[in-house]
Amino acid sequence: MPATREILDVGCGDGLFFPALSQFGNVTGVESDTEIVDPAGEFFEQIHIGQFDDSYQPHKQFQWITMLDVIEHIPDATSALQLASALLTDDGKVLITVPAFNLLWTKHDDFNHHQTRYNKRLLKRQTTAAGLKIINMHYFYHWTFAAKLLVRLKESIVTAPPASAQVPATWVNKTCQTL
């Protein structure tokens, strides 16, 4: 890897991960939601506001591309992954995170306009179709499976419209921090 990498953060929001990523190279981002990018924000000049599709033409390639909880929002995720593949250098890498298992679909997914939740087979099919080679794939946050399943069960019994997430009680946060 070169000393200064070109890094693309797809679905970067307002640049939340830019400080951490900038330790490894030059960071730029793509964000389609104009409401979450602050024109007076610290990273505004590094963010392309628009869709991550063929209209995005950065005129350079990247050693690293992150797509952190992004492709579940995209109706044609394979096309977005193909674009990521085309923007990579020969030795480039893509880091993808997605929510797992349609069984765990909740109103949180509806509120966030998710198209799907993933399992390894679906993610492998889409990444392979896009020309990407999987180096490592695993589930993390698997320890939250039971809690998410309980939320799903509760929502099947008690109906309510989708709403934004609420900050849990302090004791819940402290318990999670110790895990």
C-alpha atoms as a PDB file:
ATOM      1  CA  MET A   1       0.000   0.000   0.000  1.00  0.00           C
ATOM      2  CA  PRO A   2       1.232   3.504  -0.764  1.00  0.00           C
ATOM      3  CA  ALA A   3       2.124   5.774   2.140  1.00  0.00           C
ATOM      4  CA  THR A   4      -0.795   8.055   1.298  1.00  0.00           C
ATOM      5  CA  ARG A   5      -3.906   6.128   0.382  1.00  0.00           C
ATOM      6  CA  GLU A   6      -6.915   7.528  -1.381  1.00  0.00           C
ATOM      7  CA  ILE A   7      -9.939   6.553   0.708  1.00  0.00           C
ATOM      8  CA  LEU A   8     -13.601   6.881  -0.281  1.00  0.00           C
ATOM      9  CA  ASP A   9     -16.327   6.731   2.368  1.00  0.00           C
ATOM     10  CA  VAL A  10     -19.625   5.978   0.615  1.00  0.00           C
ATOM     11  CA  GLY A  11     -22.648   7.123   2.605  1.00  0.00           C
ATOM     12  CA  CYS A  12     -20.354   9.258   4.740  1.00  0.00           C
ATOM     13  CA  GLY A  13     -23.043  11.425   6.293  1.00  0.00           C
ATOM     14  CA  ASP A  14     -21.371  14.545   7.645  1.00  0.00           C
ATOM     15  CA  GLY A  15     -17.945  12.883   7.741  1.00  0.00           C
ATOM     16  CA  LEU A  16     -18.256  11.072  11.064  1.00  0.00           C
ATOM     17  CA  PHE A  17     -15.465   8.605  10.232  1.00  0.00           C
ATOM     18  CA  PHE A  18     -13.189  11.068   8.418  1.00  0.00           C
ATOM     19  CA  PRO A  19     -10.949  11.774  11.437  1.00  0.00           C
ATOM     20  CA  ALA A  20     -10.244   8.067  11.988  1.00  0.00           C
ATOM     21  CA  LEU A  21      -9.849   7.301   8.277  1.00  0.00           C
ATOM     22  CA  SER A  22      -7.598  10.309   7.686  1.00  0.00           C
ATOM     23  CA  GLN A  23      -4.924   8.623   9.795  1.00  0.00           C
ATOM     24  CA  PHE A  24      -4.501   6.251   6.843  1.00  0.00           C
ATOM     25  CA  GLY A  25      -4.785   8.590   3.875  1.00  0.00           C
ATOM     26  CA  ASN A  26      -6.720  11.262   2.012  1.00  0.00           C
ATOM     27  CA  VAL A  27     -10.435  10.871   2.642  1.00  0.00           C
ATOM     28  CA  THR A  28     -13.302  11.922   0.426  1.00  0.00           C
ATOM     29  CA  GLY A  29     -16.918  10.954   0.764  1.00  0.00           C
ATOM     30  CA  VAL A  30     -20.183  10.565  -1.084  1.00  0.00           C
ATOM     31  CA  GLU A  31     -23.511  11.305   0.594  1.00  0.00           C
ATOM     32  CA  SER A  32     -26.912  11.321  -1.087  1.00  0.00           C
ATOM     33  CA  ASP A  33     -28.890  12.833   1.800  1.00  0.00           C
ATOM     34  CA  THR A  34     -28.492  16.602   1.532  1.00  0.00           C
ATOM     35  CA  GLU A  35     -30.173  17.156   4.899  1.00  0.00           C
ATOM     36  CA  ILE A  36     -27.369  15.547   6.898  1.00  0.00           C
ATOM     37  CA  VAL A  37     -24.443  17.340   5.268  1.00  0.00           C
ATOM     38  CA  ASP A  38     -23.820  20.691   6.923  1.00  0.00           C
ATOM     39  CA  PRO A  39     -22.487  23.285   4.413  1.00  0.00           C
ATOM     40  CA  ALA A  40     -20.596  24.853   7.324  1.00  0.00           C
ATOM     41  CA  GLY A  41     -19.313  21.469   8.498  1.00  0.00           C
ATOM     42  CA  GLU A  42     -15.636  20.701   8.931  1.00  0.00           C
ATOM     43  CA  PHE A  43     -15.554  18.175   6.072  1.00  0.00           C
ATOM     44  CA  PHE A  44     -18.018  19.764   3.632  1.00  0.00           C
ATOM     45  CA  GLU A  45     -15.385  20.352   0.924  1.00  0.00           C
ATOM     46  CA  GLN A  46     -14.431  16.666   0.994  1.00  0.00           C
ATOM     47  CA  ILE A  47     -17.983  15.400   0.444  1.00  0.00           C
ATOM     48  CA  HIS A  48     -19.636  14.893  -2.933  1.00  0.00           C
ATOM     49  CA  ILE A  49     -23.353  15.381  -2.403  1.00  0.00           C
ATOM     50  CA  GLY A  50     -25.222  13.101  -4.763  1.00  0.00           C
ATOM     51  CA  GLN A  51     -25.987   9.518  -5.585  1.00  0.00           C
ATOM     52  CA  PHE A  52     -23.335   6.815  -5.662  1.00  0.00           C
ATOM     53  CA  ASP A  53     -24.091   5.780  -9.222  1.00  0.00           C
ATOM     54  CA  ASP A  54     -22.673   6.367 -12.708  1.00  0.00           C
ATOM     55  CA  SER A  55     -23.127  10.126 -12.235  1.00  0.00           C
ATOM     56  CA  TYR A  56     -20.352  10.036  -9.611  1.00  0.00           C
ATOM     57  CA  GLN A  57     -17.104  10.584 -11.530  1.00  0.00           C
ATOM     58  CA  PRO A  58     -14.207  11.296  -9.136  1.00  0.00           C
ATOM     59  CA  HIS A  59     -11.546  10.938 -11.881  1.00  0.00           C
ATOM     60  CA  LYS A  60      -9.329   8.905  -9.570  1.00  0.00           C
ATOM     61  CA  GLN A  61      -9.126   5.470  -8.027  1.00  0.00           C
ATOM     62  CA  PHE A  62      -9.084   4.477  -4.389  1.00  0.00           C
ATOM     63  CA  GLN A  63      -7.064   2.041  -2.303  1.00  0.00           C
ATOM     64  CA  TRP A  64      -9.832   1.797   0.285  1.00  0.00           C
ATOM     65  CA  ILE A  65     -13.592   2.211  -0.047  1.00  0.00           C
ATOM     66  CA  THR A  66     -15.883   1.971   2.960  1.00  0.00           C
ATOM     67  CA  MET A  67     -19.588   1.242   2.651  1.00  0.00           C
ATOM     68  CA  LEU A  68     -20.646   1.129   6.286  1.00  0.00           C
ATOM     69  CA  ASP A  69     -24.347   0.328   6.585  1.00  0.00           C
ATOM     70  CA  VAL A  70     -24.977   1.735   3.113  1.00  0.00           C
ATOM     71  CA  ILE A  71     -25.939  -0.887   0.542  1.00  0.00           C
ATOM     72  CA  GLU A  72     -29.089  -1.945   2.402  1.00  0.00           C
ATOM     73  CA  HIS A  73     -30.486   1.490   1.412  1.00  0.00           C
ATOM     74  CA  ILE A  74     -29.779   1.065  -2.308  1.00  0.00           C
ATOM     75  CA  PRO A  75     -32.431  -0.613  -4.503  1.00  0.00           C
ATOM     76  CA  ASP A  76     -29.756  -1.958  -6.888  1.00  0.00           C
ATOM     77  CA  ALA A  77     -26.914  -2.741  -4.498  1.00  0.00           C
ATOM     78  CA  THR A  78     -25.069  -4.832  -7.090  1.00  0.00           C
ATOM     79  CA  SER A  79     -24.686  -1.787  -9.355  1.00  0.00           C
ATOM     80  CA  ALA A  80     -23.301   0.257  -6.449  1.00  0.00           C
ATOM     81  CA  LEU A  81     -20.848  -2.545  -5.687  1.00  0.00           C
ATOM     82  CA  GLN A  82     -19.842  -2.666  -9.371  1.00  0.00           C
ATOM     83  CA  LEU A  83     -19.084   1.049  -9.242  1.00  0.00           C
ATOM     84  CA  ALA A  84     -17.024   0.527  -6.080  1.00  0.00           C
ATOM     85  CA  SER A  85     -15.123  -2.247  -7.860  1.00  0.00           C
ATOM     86  CA  ALA A  86     -14.448   0.022 -10.849  1.00  0.00           C
ATOM     87  CA  LEU A  87     -13.134   2.783  -8.563  1.00  0.00           C
ATOM     88  CA  LEU A  88     -10.635   0.503  -6.803  1.00  0.00           C
ATOM     89  CA  THR A  89      -6.941   0.320  -7.582  1.00  0.00           C
ATOM     90  CA  ASP A  90      -5.662  -3.158  -8.449  1.00  0.00           C
ATOM     91  CA  ASP A  91      -4.732  -3.761  -4.798  1.00  0.00           C
ATOM     92  CA  GLY A  92      -7.730  -1.874  -3.379  1.00  0.00           C
ATOM     93  CA  LYS A  93     -10.090  -3.099  -0.686  1.00  0.00           C
ATOM     94  CA  VAL A  94     -13.744  -2.459   0.137  1.00  0.00           C
ATOM     95  CA  LEU A  95     -15.068  -2.686   3.686  1.00  0.00           C
ATOM     96  CA  ILE A  96     -18.806  -3.372   3.794  1.00  0.00           C
ATOM     97  CA  THR A  97     -21.094  -3.613   6.811  1.00  0.00           C
ATOM     98  CA  VAL A  98     -24.795  -4.408   6.575  1.00  0.00           C
ATOM     99  CA  PRO A  99     -27.625  -5.325   8.935  1.00  0.00           C
ATOM    100  CA  ALA A 100     -28.148  -9.071   9.070  1.00  0.00           C
ATOM    101  CA  PHE A 101     -31.153 -11.371   8.681  1.00  0.00           C
ATOM    102  CA  ASN A 102     -34.570 -10.391   7.338  1.00  0.00           C
ATOM    103  CA  LEU A 103     -35.952 -12.323  10.310  1.00  0.00           C
ATOM    104  CA  LEU A 104     -34.814  -9.352  12.416  1.00  0.00           C
ATOM    105  CA  TRP A 105     -36.628  -6.749  10.289  1.00  0.00           C
ATOM    106  CA  THR A 106     -38.212  -4.114  12.543  1.00  0.00           C
ATOM    107  CA  LYS A 107     -39.801  -0.708  12.186  1.00  0.00           C
ATOM    108  CA  HIS A 108     -36.288   0.695  12.578  1.00  0.00           C
ATOM    109  CA  ASP A 109     -35.564  -0.763   9.115  1.00  0.00           C
ATOM    110  CA  ASP A 110     -38.721   0.837   7.713  1.00  0.00           C
ATOM    111  CA  PHE A 111     -37.858   4.192   9.290  1.00  0.00           C
ATOM    112  CA  ASN A 112     -34.368   4.054   7.758  1.00  0.00           C
ATOM    113  CA  HIS A 113     -35.681   3.057   4.307  1.00  0.00           C
ATOM    114  CA  HIS A 114     -33.815  -0.239   4.191  1.00  0.00           C
ATOM    115  CA  GLN A 115     -34.382  -2.376   1.116  1.00  0.00           C
ATOM    116  CA  THR A 116     -33.242  -5.607   2.785  1.00  0.00           C
ATOM    117  CA  ARG A 117     -31.225  -7.170   5.558  1.00  0.00           C
ATOM    118  CA  TYR A 118     -28.434  -9.477   4.539  1.00  0.00           C
ATOM    119  CA  ASN A 119     -27.184 -12.963   5.129  1.00  0.00           C
ATOM    120  CA  LYS A 120     -23.795 -14.174   3.950  1.00  0.00           C
ATOM    121  CA  ARG A 121     -25.226 -15.856   0.858  1.00  0.00           C
ATOM    122  CA  LEU A 122     -26.931 -12.689  -0.434  1.00  0.00           C
ATOM    123  CA  LEU A 123     -23.917 -10.484   0.266  1.00  0.00           C
ATOM    124  CA  LYS A 124     -21.600 -13.000  -1.402  1.00  0.00           C
ATOM    125  CA  ARG A 125     -23.879 -13.192  -4.462  1.00  0.00           C
ATOM    126  CA  GLN A 126     -23.974  -9.396  -4.852  1.00  0.00           C
ATOM    127  CA  THR A 127     -20.265  -8.803  -4.251  1.00  0.00           C
ATOM    128  CA  THR A 128     -19.244 -11.628  -6.573  1.00  0.00           C
ATOM    129  CA  ALA A 129     -21.609 -10.364  -9.290  1.00  0.00           C
ATOM    130  CA  ALA A 130     -19.962  -6.948  -8.894  1.00  0.00           C
ATOM    131  CA  GLY A 131     -16.513  -8.422  -9.514  1.00  0.00           C
ATOM    132  CA  LEU A 132     -15.307  -8.169  -5.924  1.00  0.00           C
ATOM    133  CA  LYS A 133     -13.380 -10.932  -4.180  1.00  0.00           C
ATOM    134  CA  ILE A 134     -14.293 -11.661  -0.562  1.00  0.00           C
ATOM    135  CA  ILE A 135     -11.306 -11.848   1.768  1.00  0.00           C
ATOM    136  CA  ASN A 136     -13.190 -12.116   5.049  1.00  0.00           C
ATOM    137  CA  MET A 137     -16.876 -12.247   5.894  1.00  0.00           C
ATOM    138  CA  HIS A 138     -18.386 -12.728   9.303  1.00  0.00           C
ATOM    139  CA  TYR A 139     -21.225 -11.652  11.530  1.00  0.00           C
ATOM    140  CA  PHE A 140     -20.467  -9.237  14.326  1.00  0.00           C
ATOM    141  CA  TYR A 141     -22.873  -7.795  16.846  1.00  0.00           C
ATOM    142  CA  HIS A 142     -24.257 -11.332  16.907  1.00  0.00           C
ATOM    143  CA  TRP A 143     -24.653 -10.926  20.659  1.00  0.00           C
ATOM    144  CA  THR A 144     -27.556  -8.521  19.941  1.00  0.00           C
ATOM    145  CA  PHE A 145     -29.512 -11.192  18.032  1.00  0.00           C
ATOM    146  CA  ALA A 146     -31.775 -12.172  20.957  1.00  0.00           C
ATOM    147  CA  ALA A 147     -32.580  -8.559  21.861  1.00  0.00           C
ATOM    148  CA  LYS A 148     -33.403  -7.692  18.248  1.00  0.00           C
ATOM    149  CA  LEU A 149     -35.578 -10.796  17.989  1.00  0.00           C
ATOM    150  CA  LEU A 150     -37.498  -9.665  21.086  1.00  0.00           C
ATOM    151  CA  VAL A 151     -38.076  -6.252  19.475  1.00  0.00           C
ATOM    152  CA  ARG A 152     -39.349  -8.035  16.374  1.00  0.00           C
ATOM    153  CA  LEU A 153     -41.711 -10.149  18.505  1.00  0.00           C
ATOM    154  CA  LYS A 154     -42.973  -7.074  20.390  1.00  0.00           C
ATOM    155  CA  GLU A 155     -43.631  -5.256  17.108  1.00  0.00           C
ATOM    156  CA  SER A 156     -45.625  -8.222  15.815  1.00  0.00           C
ATOM    157  CA  ILE A 157     -47.925  -7.864  18.837  1.00  0.00           C
ATOM    158  CA  VAL A 158     -48.015  -4.079  19.386  1.00  0.00           C
ATOM    159  CA  THR A 159     -48.449  -1.974  16.266  1.00  0.00           C
ATOM    160  CA  ALA A 160     -46.991   1.507  16.027  1.00  0.00           C
ATOM    161  CA  PRO A 161     -45.683   3.628  13.163  1.00  0.00           C
ATOM    162  CA  PRO A 162     -41.934   3.622  12.494  1.00  0.00           C
ATOM    163  CA  ALA A 163     -40.095   6.223  14.567  1.00  0.00           C
ATOM    164  CA  SER A 164     -36.561   7.367  15.162  1.00  0.00           C
ATOM    165  CA  ALA A 165     -34.493   5.424  17.651  1.00  0.00           C
ATOM    166  CA  GLN A 166     -34.572   6.435  21.298  1.00  0.00           C
ATOM    167  CA  VAL A 167     -31.503   6.620  23.513  1.00  0.00           C
ATOM    168  CA  PRO A 168     -31.705   3.692  25.951  1.00  0.00           C
ATOM    169  CA  ALA A 169     -31.694   4.129  29.706  1.00  0.00           C
ATOM    170  CA  THR A 170     -28.315   4.831  31.305  1.00  0.00           C
ATOM    171  CA  TRP A 171     -28.184   1.376  32.895  1.00  0.00           C
ATOM    172  CA  VAL A 172     -28.628  -0.243  29.462  1.00  0.00           C
ATOM    173  CA  ASN A 173     -25.726   1.757  28.009  1.00  0.00           C
ATOM    174  CA  LYS A 174     -23.493   0.928  30.981  1.00  0.00           C
ATOM    175  CA  THR A 175     -24.346  -2.766  30.694  1.00  0.00           C
ATOM    176  CA  CYS A 176     -23.501  -2.765  26.982  1.00  0.00           C
ATOM    177  CA  GLN A 177     -20.205  -0.989  27.644  1.00  0.00           C
ATOM    178  CA  THR A 178     -19.117  -3.777  29.976  1.00  0.00           C
ATOM    179  CA  LEU A 179     -19.831  -6.510  27.410  1.00  0.00           C
END
